[in-house]
N, C-alpha and C. Protein backbone atom coordinates (compact mmCIF):
# COMPACT_ATOMS: atom_id res chain seq x y z
N MET A 1 8.92 -18.68 -3.90
CA MET A 1 9.40 -17.38 -4.31
C MET A 1 8.20 -16.28 -4.19
N ALA A 2 8.47 -15.32 -3.52
CA ALA A 2 7.34 -14.28 -3.19
C ALA A 2 7.27 -13.40 -4.34
N HIS A 3 6.02 -13.01 -4.59
CA HIS A 3 5.72 -12.15 -5.95
C HIS A 3 5.31 -10.72 -5.32
N LEU A 4 4.71 -10.62 -4.04
CA LEU A 4 4.40 -9.40 -3.42
C LEU A 4 4.99 -9.17 -2.00
N THR A 5 5.01 -8.00 -1.69
CA THR A 5 5.46 -7.31 -0.45
C THR A 5 4.33 -6.66 0.00
N TRP A 6 4.00 -6.74 1.42
CA TRP A 6 2.88 -6.19 2.11
C TRP A 6 3.30 -4.82 2.64
N GLU A 7 2.58 -3.70 2.70
CA GLU A 7 3.07 -2.53 3.18
C GLU A 7 3.30 -2.58 4.73
N LYS A 8 2.55 -3.40 5.45
CA LYS A 8 2.67 -3.65 6.82
C LYS A 8 3.74 -4.71 7.07
N GLY A 9 4.38 -5.21 6.25
CA GLY A 9 5.35 -6.22 6.41
C GLY A 9 5.19 -7.56 5.85
N GLY A 10 5.94 -8.42 5.65
CA GLY A 10 5.61 -9.79 5.24
C GLY A 10 5.57 -9.87 3.59
N GLU A 11 5.26 -10.90 3.18
CA GLU A 11 5.18 -11.02 1.70
C GLU A 11 4.37 -12.30 1.44
N ALA A 12 3.84 -12.36 -0.13
CA ALA A 12 3.09 -13.32 -0.40
C ALA A 12 3.23 -13.83 -2.04
N SER A 13 2.96 -15.01 -2.17
CA SER A 13 2.99 -15.39 -3.57
C SER A 13 1.51 -15.81 -4.17
N VAL A 14 1.18 -15.46 -5.30
CA VAL A 14 -0.03 -15.61 -5.93
C VAL A 14 -0.20 -17.17 -6.19
N LEU A 15 -1.36 -17.84 -5.86
CA LEU A 15 -1.82 -19.23 -6.20
C LEU A 15 -2.52 -19.36 -7.27
N SER A 16 -3.70 -18.50 -7.23
CA SER A 16 -4.64 -18.49 -8.37
C SER A 16 -5.36 -17.08 -8.51
N LEU A 17 -5.70 -16.93 -9.82
CA LEU A 17 -6.51 -15.56 -10.09
C LEU A 17 -7.57 -15.96 -11.06
N ASP A 18 -8.95 -15.75 -10.70
CA ASP A 18 -9.93 -16.00 -11.55
C ASP A 18 -10.86 -14.76 -11.46
N ALA A 19 -10.84 -13.85 -12.43
CA ALA A 19 -11.46 -12.64 -12.73
C ALA A 19 -10.89 -11.76 -11.52
N ASP A 20 -11.59 -11.32 -10.37
CA ASP A 20 -11.11 -10.65 -9.26
C ASP A 20 -10.85 -11.37 -8.16
N ALA A 21 -11.12 -12.56 -8.29
CA ALA A 21 -10.97 -13.45 -7.05
C ALA A 21 -9.38 -13.96 -7.14
N ILE A 22 -8.84 -13.84 -5.84
CA ILE A 22 -7.40 -14.29 -5.73
C ILE A 22 -7.25 -15.09 -4.64
N VAL A 23 -6.16 -15.89 -4.66
CA VAL A 23 -5.64 -16.92 -3.56
C VAL A 23 -4.20 -16.52 -3.47
N LEU A 24 -3.77 -16.33 -2.37
CA LEU A 24 -2.42 -16.16 -2.12
C LEU A 24 -1.78 -16.84 -0.97
N VAL A 25 -0.51 -17.18 -0.91
CA VAL A 25 0.07 -17.76 0.37
C VAL A 25 0.79 -16.71 0.85
N SER A 26 0.47 -16.46 2.21
CA SER A 26 1.13 -15.18 2.68
C SER A 26 1.86 -15.47 4.00
N SER A 27 2.97 -14.56 4.39
CA SER A 27 3.81 -14.87 5.46
C SER A 27 2.96 -14.30 6.62
N ILE A 28 2.06 -13.40 6.48
CA ILE A 28 1.16 -12.77 7.55
C ILE A 28 -0.38 -13.06 7.36
N PRO A 29 -1.00 -13.20 8.67
CA PRO A 29 -2.50 -13.28 8.37
C PRO A 29 -3.12 -11.95 8.14
N SER A 30 -4.32 -12.13 7.88
CA SER A 30 -5.07 -10.83 7.92
C SER A 30 -6.60 -11.30 8.04
N PRO A 31 -7.37 -10.76 8.81
CA PRO A 31 -8.89 -11.13 8.96
C PRO A 31 -9.78 -10.97 7.91
N PRO A 32 -10.84 -11.55 7.85
CA PRO A 32 -11.78 -11.41 6.79
C PRO A 32 -12.35 -10.01 7.01
N GLY A 33 -12.61 -9.30 5.84
CA GLY A 33 -13.02 -7.90 5.88
C GLY A 33 -11.85 -7.04 5.85
N SER A 34 -10.71 -7.41 6.12
CA SER A 34 -9.62 -6.53 6.15
C SER A 34 -9.12 -6.07 4.74
N ARG A 35 -8.49 -5.02 4.57
CA ARG A 35 -7.77 -4.67 3.17
C ARG A 35 -6.26 -4.59 3.29
N LEU A 36 -5.58 -5.36 2.60
CA LEU A 36 -4.00 -5.40 2.26
C LEU A 36 -3.64 -4.69 1.27
N SER A 37 -2.71 -3.78 1.45
CA SER A 37 -1.90 -3.33 0.23
C SER A 37 -0.59 -3.57 0.29
N GLY A 38 -0.25 -3.80 -0.96
CA GLY A 38 1.32 -4.21 -1.24
C GLY A 38 1.79 -3.96 -2.67
N SER A 39 2.73 -4.32 -3.09
CA SER A 39 3.34 -4.02 -4.28
C SER A 39 4.01 -5.36 -4.97
N LEU A 40 4.25 -5.31 -6.19
CA LEU A 40 5.14 -6.43 -6.75
C LEU A 40 6.34 -6.38 -6.15
N ILE A 41 7.03 -7.37 -6.07
CA ILE A 41 8.65 -7.43 -5.64
C ILE A 41 9.38 -6.29 -6.35
N ASP A 42 9.19 -6.08 -7.82
CA ASP A 42 9.81 -5.08 -8.48
C ASP A 42 9.50 -3.85 -8.16
N GLY A 43 8.47 -3.47 -7.46
CA GLY A 43 7.78 -2.31 -7.00
C GLY A 43 7.19 -1.40 -8.00
N LYS A 44 6.78 -2.12 -9.02
CA LYS A 44 6.56 -1.23 -10.40
C LYS A 44 4.61 -1.33 -10.21
N MET A 45 4.20 -1.96 -9.43
CA MET A 45 2.67 -2.21 -9.52
C MET A 45 2.11 -2.31 -8.01
N GLU A 46 1.15 -1.43 -7.81
CA GLU A 46 0.55 -1.76 -6.32
C GLU A 46 -0.58 -2.65 -6.46
N VAL A 47 -0.81 -3.38 -5.28
CA VAL A 47 -1.99 -4.39 -5.34
C VAL A 47 -2.64 -4.16 -4.07
N ARG A 48 -4.03 -4.06 -4.22
CA ARG A 48 -4.91 -3.88 -3.02
C ARG A 48 -5.82 -5.20 -3.13
N ILE A 49 -6.29 -5.71 -1.93
CA ILE A 49 -7.03 -6.86 -1.79
C ILE A 49 -7.83 -6.69 -0.63
N LYS A 50 -9.22 -7.10 -0.87
CA LYS A 50 -10.13 -7.25 0.24
C LYS A 50 -10.04 -8.67 0.87
N VAL A 51 -9.77 -9.05 1.82
CA VAL A 51 -9.65 -10.36 2.43
C VAL A 51 -11.00 -11.05 2.78
N HIS A 52 -11.24 -12.15 2.31
CA HIS A 52 -12.73 -12.86 2.41
C HIS A 52 -12.45 -14.02 3.50
N ALA A 53 -11.08 -14.75 3.39
CA ALA A 53 -11.05 -15.82 4.17
C ALA A 53 -9.32 -15.82 4.54
N SER A 54 -8.83 -16.29 5.65
CA SER A 54 -7.52 -16.53 6.17
C SER A 54 -7.44 -17.81 6.81
N LYS A 55 -6.51 -18.76 6.20
CA LYS A 55 -6.43 -20.04 6.85
C LYS A 55 -4.97 -20.27 7.28
N LYS A 56 -4.57 -20.66 8.55
CA LYS A 56 -3.27 -20.89 8.69
C LYS A 56 -2.98 -22.25 8.36
N GLN A 57 -1.79 -22.35 7.55
CA GLN A 57 -1.24 -23.88 7.23
C GLN A 57 -0.32 -24.39 8.13
N GLU A 58 -0.05 -25.76 7.95
CA GLU A 58 0.86 -26.43 8.80
C GLU A 58 2.29 -25.94 8.86
N ASP A 59 2.65 -25.40 7.89
CA ASP A 59 4.11 -24.73 7.67
C ASP A 59 4.04 -23.38 8.31
N GLY A 60 2.89 -22.85 8.66
CA GLY A 60 3.09 -21.39 9.41
C GLY A 60 2.59 -20.38 8.53
N SER A 61 2.56 -20.63 7.36
CA SER A 61 1.84 -19.61 6.36
C SER A 61 0.41 -19.52 6.38
N PHE A 62 -0.07 -18.70 5.49
CA PHE A 62 -1.45 -18.50 5.53
C PHE A 62 -2.01 -18.25 4.25
N HIS A 63 -3.22 -19.01 3.75
CA HIS A 63 -3.74 -18.91 2.59
C HIS A 63 -4.82 -18.00 2.61
N LEU A 64 -4.64 -16.80 1.98
CA LEU A 64 -5.48 -15.68 1.91
C LEU A 64 -6.42 -15.76 0.72
N HIS A 65 -7.89 -15.84 0.85
CA HIS A 65 -8.71 -15.76 -0.32
C HIS A 65 -9.19 -14.33 -0.32
N GLY A 66 -9.44 -13.75 -1.29
CA GLY A 66 -9.86 -12.24 -1.39
C GLY A 66 -10.39 -12.02 -2.79
N ARG A 67 -10.55 -10.62 -2.84
CA ARG A 67 -10.79 -9.95 -3.99
C ARG A 67 -9.80 -8.62 -4.38
N LEU A 68 -9.53 -8.52 -5.62
CA LEU A 68 -8.57 -7.49 -5.81
C LEU A 68 -9.42 -6.06 -6.06
N ILE A 69 -8.85 -5.19 -5.66
CA ILE A 69 -9.60 -3.92 -5.46
C ILE A 69 -9.00 -2.95 -6.56
N ASP A 70 -9.78 -2.36 -7.39
CA ASP A 70 -9.34 -1.35 -8.28
C ASP A 70 -8.08 -1.89 -9.21
N ALA A 71 -8.17 -3.18 -9.68
CA ALA A 71 -7.00 -3.63 -10.22
C ALA A 71 -7.36 -3.43 -11.96
N THR A 72 -6.53 -3.02 -12.48
CA THR A 72 -6.43 -2.59 -14.08
C THR A 72 -6.31 -4.14 -14.82
N ARG A 73 -6.61 -4.08 -15.97
CA ARG A 73 -6.52 -5.26 -16.87
C ARG A 73 -5.19 -5.70 -16.89
N ASP A 74 -4.12 -4.60 -16.81
CA ASP A 74 -2.73 -5.11 -17.03
C ASP A 74 -2.58 -5.65 -15.79
N ALA A 75 -2.74 -5.20 -14.54
CA ALA A 75 -2.43 -5.85 -13.26
C ALA A 75 -2.90 -7.16 -13.01
N ARG A 76 -4.16 -7.46 -13.80
CA ARG A 76 -4.66 -8.85 -13.49
C ARG A 76 -4.02 -9.73 -14.53
N SER A 77 -3.44 -9.33 -15.65
CA SER A 77 -2.63 -10.21 -16.34
C SER A 77 -1.42 -10.57 -15.84
N LYS A 78 -0.63 -9.51 -15.26
CA LYS A 78 0.53 -9.83 -14.65
C LYS A 78 0.50 -10.68 -13.32
N LEU A 79 -0.72 -10.55 -12.63
CA LEU A 79 -0.96 -11.48 -11.54
C LEU A 79 -1.14 -12.72 -12.14
N LYS A 80 -1.98 -12.94 -13.01
CA LYS A 80 -2.43 -14.21 -13.65
C LYS A 80 -1.29 -15.06 -14.08
N ALA A 81 -0.21 -14.25 -14.65
CA ALA A 81 1.01 -14.86 -15.16
C ALA A 81 1.96 -15.44 -14.10
N LEU A 82 1.90 -14.56 -12.79
CA LEU A 82 2.68 -14.99 -11.67
C LEU A 82 1.93 -16.30 -11.15
N ALA A 83 0.69 -16.49 -11.27
CA ALA A 83 -0.18 -17.71 -10.61
C ALA A 83 0.37 -19.06 -11.68
N SER A 84 0.70 -18.77 -12.77
CA SER A 84 0.90 -19.96 -13.76
C SER A 84 2.34 -20.64 -13.52
């Protein structure tokens, strides 16, 4: 089940969140150093991520490792809950 939709298309689910370090499963790739913007599926919170690594999986999805940008404490807690 997807948790986020990206502005440039595609969606992602949160696998883990530790402080600002986030790991996602995404339907689209993004190169290291790029920034992705999106929002929660409900549209109530914007999420911005700086990508550190992107690895294609056998099922065609991509594991994105990155860092949250400008995330509030509330945003971190919501994303952490999604990863659980």
